[in-house]
């Protein structure tokens, strides 16, 4: 879409949603364990990943010299913190159903807390400010994929046809809508902190060159882990591309083309994430989401007291 970021701008604020997982089955897409667990990898990656986003942005706040961007960044941080908490609750729900994810998530925690922590790993001699900029570049690259996934899930008719658990579908679409809503904030923050310098374009390329293969690896590993440890399958299952592609054909997962095309699009020098997805569709879903509506109602009632 061609509408500029400035034209589409609207306030970004967290919605303090809650979800009741008591009636959500382990296979929340009926008879589709592969599609269920490929999507469930989100719950494995996002709690630690989005806590890390907030931490890095907090480090970078002193670099922000634009009032509008500062408001957007604070709204982004609030949304990401809420996402992290809500996906953590899903991990608790999976554990309650006999699927322990801790052996996998320990590796994810190590990635974000140590390999991508305050200082470069292994004593690599990178200046503190440059390390911060590189981590901001990584977040901007990751947010490219979350915007693509958010755009997909909002329009995924195949999921509706599969009669999934409505609470899980609302979580995914609420989260996806907020990813589309704030899709440009991480990129704008990175650009503002030094990424706009044409001489530093290689950093943007490097960040995407690291992000895309690492995300692919973590996703395949996570799906394999969940299928292998699923207590409701009669025998340990293996993740396979054949089963994955079957789910793609049913519209239960995004296509490889949708995901892969996000990389060259992001690497265009003229690219801005406001071109990604539809803000109108995202805001429309947030106005109808059961969880978001309940959160808005709670805020309104509190304001009247």
Protein backbone atom coordinates (compact mmCIF):
# COMPACT_ATOMS: atom_id res chain seq x y z
CA UNK A 1 0.00 0.00 0.00
CA UNK A 2 1.23 3.45 -0.82
CA UNK A 3 -0.21 5.60 1.97
CA UNK A 4 2.60 7.28 3.84
CA UNK A 5 3.39 6.64 7.48
CA UNK A 6 2.69 10.28 8.33
CA UNK A 7 -0.77 10.09 6.76
CA UNK A 8 -1.64 6.90 8.60
CA UNK A 9 -0.27 7.87 11.99
CA UNK A 10 -2.50 7.43 14.97
CA UNK A 11 -1.75 6.99 18.67
CA UNK A 12 -0.29 3.63 19.70
CA UNK A 13 -1.24 2.40 23.15
CA UNK A 14 -1.28 -0.97 24.93
CA UNK A 15 -4.58 -2.76 25.47
CA UNK A 16 -4.62 -4.62 28.79
CA UNK A 17 -6.32 -7.73 27.46
CA UNK A 18 -6.92 -11.01 29.27
CA UNK A 19 -7.81 -14.47 27.95
CA UNK A 20 -9.46 -17.45 29.61
CA UNK A 21 -7.62 -20.61 28.56
CA UNK A 22 -9.63 -23.14 30.59
CA UNK A 23 -11.64 -24.44 27.62
CA UNK A 24 -8.87 -24.25 24.98
CA UNK A 25 -7.78 -27.72 23.82
CA UNK A 26 -4.16 -28.59 23.16
CA UNK A 27 -4.96 -29.08 19.46
CA UNK A 28 -6.81 -25.80 19.11
CA UNK A 29 -7.09 -26.33 15.34
CA UNK A 30 -9.12 -29.58 15.32
CA UNK A 31 -7.31 -32.57 13.76
CA UNK A 32 -4.38 -30.37 12.67
CA UNK A 33 -1.45 -30.99 15.04
CA UNK A 34 1.18 -29.70 12.60
CA UNK A 35 -0.58 -26.39 11.90
CA UNK A 36 -1.40 -26.04 15.60
CA UNK A 37 2.19 -26.49 16.70
CA UNK A 38 3.80 -24.46 13.91
CA UNK A 39 1.71 -21.52 15.13
CA UNK A 40 2.35 -22.45 18.77
CA UNK A 41 6.05 -21.70 18.21
CA UNK A 42 5.00 -18.07 18.62
CA UNK A 43 4.37 -18.79 22.29
CA UNK A 44 7.86 -20.25 22.64
CA UNK A 45 9.68 -17.30 21.09
CA UNK A 46 7.67 -14.23 22.01
CA UNK A 47 7.77 -14.02 25.81
CA UNK A 48 11.58 -13.73 25.92
CA UNK A 49 11.83 -11.96 22.57
CA UNK A 50 9.38 -9.21 23.38
CA UNK A 51 10.84 -8.67 26.86
CA UNK A 52 14.14 -8.15 25.03
CA UNK A 53 12.55 -5.65 22.64
CA UNK A 54 11.39 -3.58 25.60
CA UNK A 55 14.78 -3.76 27.30
CA UNK A 56 16.69 -2.64 24.20
CA UNK A 57 14.23 0.17 23.50
CA UNK A 58 14.56 1.34 27.10
CA UNK A 59 18.33 1.55 26.56
CA UNK A 60 17.76 3.56 23.39
CA UNK A 61 15.22 6.06 24.77
CA UNK A 62 17.90 8.72 25.46
CA UNK A 63 18.67 8.75 21.72
CA UNK A 64 15.14 9.84 20.80
CA UNK A 65 14.93 13.55 20.06
CA UNK A 66 11.50 13.58 18.43
CA UNK A 67 8.41 13.90 20.65
CA UNK A 68 6.09 12.00 18.30
CA UNK A 69 8.53 9.13 17.90
CA UNK A 70 9.02 9.03 21.68
CA UNK A 71 5.27 8.62 22.17
CA UNK A 72 5.16 5.88 19.54
CA UNK A 73 8.12 4.07 21.10
CA UNK A 74 6.53 4.13 24.55
CA UNK A 75 3.28 2.81 23.07
CA UNK A 76 5.24 0.09 21.26
CA UNK A 77 6.98 -0.90 24.49
CA UNK A 78 3.65 -1.15 26.30
CA UNK A 79 2.13 -3.30 23.58
CA UNK A 80 5.14 -5.62 23.41
CA UNK A 81 5.21 -6.04 27.20
CA UNK A 82 1.54 -7.06 27.11
CA UNK A 83 2.19 -9.52 24.26
CA UNK A 84 5.01 -11.12 26.25
CA UNK A 85 2.80 -11.62 29.31
CA UNK A 86 -0.15 -13.06 27.39
CA UNK A 87 1.99 -15.56 25.46
CA UNK A 88 3.63 -16.61 28.73
CA UNK A 89 0.18 -17.55 30.01
CA UNK A 90 -0.24 -19.82 26.97
CA UNK A 91 2.98 -21.62 27.94
CA UNK A 92 1.49 -22.18 31.40
CA UNK A 93 -1.63 -23.59 29.73
CA UNK A 94 0.45 -25.95 27.56
CA UNK A 95 2.32 -27.16 30.66
CA UNK A 96 -0.99 -27.76 32.44
CA UNK A 97 -1.99 -29.99 29.52
CA UNK A 98 1.23 -32.00 29.80
CA UNK A 99 3.38 -30.24 27.22
CA UNK A 100 6.45 -28.88 29.01
CA UNK A 101 8.19 -26.24 26.90
CA UNK A 102 10.94 -25.27 29.37
CA UNK A 103 13.72 -27.37 27.72
CA UNK A 104 13.19 -25.36 24.52
CA UNK A 105 12.53 -21.94 26.00
CA UNK A 106 15.74 -22.10 28.05
CA UNK A 107 17.64 -21.83 24.76
CA UNK A 108 15.50 -18.89 23.65
CA UNK A 109 16.16 -17.15 26.97
CA UNK A 110 19.90 -17.69 26.52
CA UNK A 111 19.77 -16.19 23.03
CA UNK A 112 18.10 -12.97 24.11
CA UNK A 113 19.57 -12.56 27.59
CA UNK A 114 23.18 -13.49 26.87
CA UNK A 115 24.01 -13.60 23.15
CA UNK A 116 22.01 -10.41 22.55
CA UNK A 117 22.44 -8.85 25.98
CA UNK A 118 23.88 -5.51 27.06
CA UNK A 119 27.35 -6.35 25.76
CA UNK A 120 28.51 -8.24 22.66
CA UNK A 121 29.07 -11.96 23.35
CA UNK A 122 32.46 -13.63 23.58
CA UNK A 123 34.23 -10.31 24.16
CA UNK A 124 33.72 -9.15 20.58
CA UNK A 125 35.14 -5.58 20.44
CA UNK A 126 32.09 -3.61 19.29
CA UNK A 127 31.53 -0.08 20.70
CA UNK A 128 28.58 0.15 23.08
CA UNK A 129 26.59 2.54 20.89
CA UNK A 130 27.19 0.45 17.77
CA UNK A 131 26.05 -2.73 19.59
CA UNK A 132 22.86 -0.93 20.60
CA UNK A 133 22.26 0.15 17.00
CA UNK A 134 22.80 -3.39 15.74
CA UNK A 135 20.25 -4.75 18.22
CA UNK A 136 17.80 -2.04 17.12
CA UNK A 137 18.42 -3.17 13.53
CA UNK A 138 17.64 -6.76 14.55
CA UNK A 139 14.35 -5.68 16.15
CA UNK A 140 13.39 -3.74 13.02
CA UNK A 141 14.09 -6.85 10.90
CA UNK A 142 12.08 -9.10 13.24
CA UNK A 143 9.20 -6.63 13.17
CA UNK A 144 9.12 -6.96 9.39
CA UNK A 145 8.15 -10.60 9.84
CA UNK A 146 5.69 -9.94 12.67
CA UNK A 147 3.93 -7.39 10.43
CA UNK A 148 3.73 -9.96 7.63
CA UNK A 149 2.38 -12.60 10.02
CA UNK A 150 -0.07 -10.10 11.48
CA UNK A 151 -1.32 -9.22 8.01
CA UNK A 152 -1.72 -12.91 7.20
CA UNK A 153 -3.60 -13.92 10.34
CA UNK A 154 -6.09 -11.07 10.02
CA UNK A 155 -7.11 -12.35 6.58
CA UNK A 156 -6.64 -16.11 7.14
CA UNK A 157 -10.03 -17.46 6.04
CA UNK A 158 -8.60 -20.97 6.20
CA UNK A 159 -8.32 -20.68 9.95
CA UNK A 160 -11.96 -19.65 10.22
CA UNK A 161 -13.03 -22.62 8.08
CA UNK A 162 -11.08 -24.98 10.35
CA UNK A 163 -13.24 -23.98 13.35
CA UNK A 164 -10.34 -23.24 15.72
CA UNK A 165 -10.66 -22.43 19.39
CA UNK A 166 -12.09 -18.87 19.41
CA UNK A 167 -9.96 -17.68 22.34
CA UNK A 168 -6.70 -18.68 20.66
CA UNK A 169 -7.82 -17.15 17.37
CA UNK A 170 -8.65 -13.90 19.14
CA UNK A 171 -5.23 -13.87 20.83
CA UNK A 172 -3.50 -14.35 17.49
CA UNK A 173 -5.58 -11.74 15.68
CA UNK A 174 -5.40 -9.20 18.52
CA UNK A 175 -1.62 -9.63 18.56
CA UNK A 176 -1.39 -9.58 14.77
CA UNK A 177 -3.49 -6.42 14.55
CA UNK A 178 -1.22 -4.63 17.03
CA UNK A 179 1.84 -5.77 15.05
CA UNK A 180 0.35 -4.14 11.96
CA UNK A 181 -0.64 -1.10 13.98
CA UNK A 182 2.93 -0.48 15.22
CA UNK A 183 4.71 -2.00 12.22
CA UNK A 184 6.81 1.09 11.50
CA UNK A 185 7.92 2.01 15.04
CA UNK A 186 10.97 -0.25 15.34
CA UNK A 187 12.17 0.76 11.87
CA UNK A 188 11.65 4.46 12.65
CA UNK A 189 13.50 4.05 15.95
CA UNK A 190 16.42 2.36 14.21
CA UNK A 191 16.56 5.02 11.50
CA UNK A 192 16.40 7.79 14.09
CA UNK A 193 19.25 6.20 16.08
CA UNK A 194 21.63 6.23 13.12
CA UNK A 195 20.24 3.71 10.68
CA UNK A 196 19.24 6.39 8.18
CA UNK A 197 22.90 7.11 7.39
CA UNK A 198 23.42 5.69 3.84
CA UNK A 199 26.90 4.59 4.87
CA UNK A 200 25.29 2.28 7.45
CA UNK A 201 23.00 0.43 5.02
CA UNK A 202 25.21 -2.66 5.35
CA UNK A 203 24.14 -2.92 9.02
CA UNK A 204 20.50 -3.16 7.93
CA UNK A 205 21.40 -5.90 5.42
CA UNK A 206 23.44 -7.77 8.04
CA UNK A 207 20.62 -7.59 10.57
CA UNK A 208 18.16 -9.13 8.12
CA UNK A 209 20.82 -11.65 7.05
CA UNK A 210 21.03 -12.81 10.66
CA UNK A 211 17.32 -12.55 11.48
CA UNK A 212 15.77 -14.51 8.59
CA UNK A 213 17.80 -17.75 8.90
CA UNK A 214 17.79 -17.72 12.72
CA UNK A 215 14.01 -17.31 12.82
CA UNK A 216 13.60 -20.11 10.28
CA UNK A 217 15.83 -22.41 12.33
CA UNK A 218 14.12 -21.58 15.63
CA UNK A 219 10.70 -22.09 14.07
CA UNK A 220 11.51 -25.49 12.58
CA UNK A 221 13.20 -26.59 15.81
CA UNK A 222 10.27 -25.34 17.90
CA UNK A 223 7.65 -27.08 15.75
CA UNK A 224 9.65 -30.31 15.88
CA UNK A 225 9.96 -30.02 19.66
CA UNK A 226 6.23 -29.47 20.18
CA UNK A 227 5.19 -32.33 17.91
CA UNK A 228 7.72 -34.70 19.45
CA UNK A 229 6.55 -33.94 23.01
CA UNK A 230 2.81 -33.64 22.33
CA UNK A 231 1.20 -35.94 24.96
CA UNK A 232 -2.03 -36.33 22.98
CA UNK A 233 -0.45 -37.91 19.89
CA UNK A 234 -0.47 -41.70 19.94
CA UNK A 235 3.21 -41.81 18.96
CA UNK A 236 5.94 -39.16 18.88
CA UNK A 237 5.45 -37.18 15.68
CA UNK A 238 8.07 -35.57 13.50
CA UNK A 239 7.82 -32.19 11.87
CA UNK A 240 7.76 -32.59 8.10
CA UNK A 241 7.63 -30.18 5.21
CA UNK A 242 5.02 -32.39 3.61
CA UNK A 243 2.60 -31.91 6.52
CA UNK A 244 3.51 -28.23 6.73
CA UNK A 245 2.80 -27.66 3.04
CA UNK A 246 -0.50 -29.52 3.35
CA UNK A 247 -1.49 -27.04 6.07
CA UNK A 248 -0.38 -24.16 3.84
CA UNK A 249 -2.63 -25.42 1.02
CA UNK A 250 -5.56 -25.44 3.47
CA UNK A 251 -4.85 -21.83 4.37
CA UNK A 252 -3.85 -22.71 7.95
CA UNK A 253 -0.33 -21.33 7.59
CA UNK A 254 1.17 -18.51 5.51
CA UNK A 255 2.81 -19.46 2.22
CA UNK A 256 6.58 -19.59 1.83
CA UNK A 257 6.25 -16.91 -0.84
CA UNK A 258 4.52 -14.53 1.59
CA UNK A 259 7.30 -14.99 4.13
CA UNK A 260 10.23 -15.02 1.70
CA UNK A 261 9.10 -11.95 -0.23
CA UNK A 262 9.29 -9.92 2.98
CA UNK A 263 13.11 -9.98 2.82
CA UNK A 264 13.84 -8.30 -0.54
CA UNK A 265 10.98 -5.88 0.09
CA UNK A 266 12.58 -4.82 3.38
CA UNK A 267 16.01 -4.43 1.80
CA UNK A 268 14.87 -1.87 -0.76
CA UNK A 269 16.52 1.41 0.19
CA UNK A 270 13.23 3.26 -0.37
CA UNK A 271 11.21 0.84 1.77
CA UNK A 272 9.20 1.92 4.80
CA UNK A 273 7.09 -0.50 6.87
CA UNK A 274 4.02 1.73 6.54
CA UNK A 275 3.75 0.03 3.12
CA UNK A 276 3.15 -3.31 4.90
CA UNK A 277 -0.35 -4.59 5.53
CA UNK A 278 -3.47 -2.52 6.17
CA UNK A 279 -3.76 -0.26 9.18
CA UNK A 280 -7.50 0.00 8.49
CA UNK A 281 -7.94 -3.79 8.74
CA UNK A 282 -5.89 -3.90 11.93
CA UNK A 283 -7.88 -1.13 13.63
CA UNK A 284 -11.14 -2.72 12.48
CA UNK A 285 -10.22 -6.01 14.11
CA UNK A 286 -9.14 -4.30 17.31
CA UNK A 287 -12.56 -2.65 17.44
CA UNK A 288 -14.26 -6.06 17.23
CA UNK A 289 -11.85 -8.33 19.16
CA UNK A 290 -13.61 -9.76 22.22
CA UNK A 291 -10.49 -9.37 24.36
CA UNK A 292 -9.73 -5.84 23.17
CA UNK A 293 -13.36 -4.76 23.62
CA UNK A 294 -13.41 -6.17 27.15
CA UNK A 295 -10.15 -4.34 27.94
CA UNK A 296 -11.54 -1.08 26.58
CA UNK A 297 -14.70 -1.56 28.62
CA UNK A 298 -12.70 -2.12 31.79
CA UNK A 299 -10.73 1.08 31.16
CA UNK A 300 -13.95 3.00 30.59
CA UNK A 301 -15.54 1.69 33.79
CA UNK A 302 -12.40 2.54 35.78
CA UNK A 303 -12.47 6.09 34.39
CA UNK A 304 -16.06 6.57 35.63
CA UNK A 305 -15.25 5.63 39.23
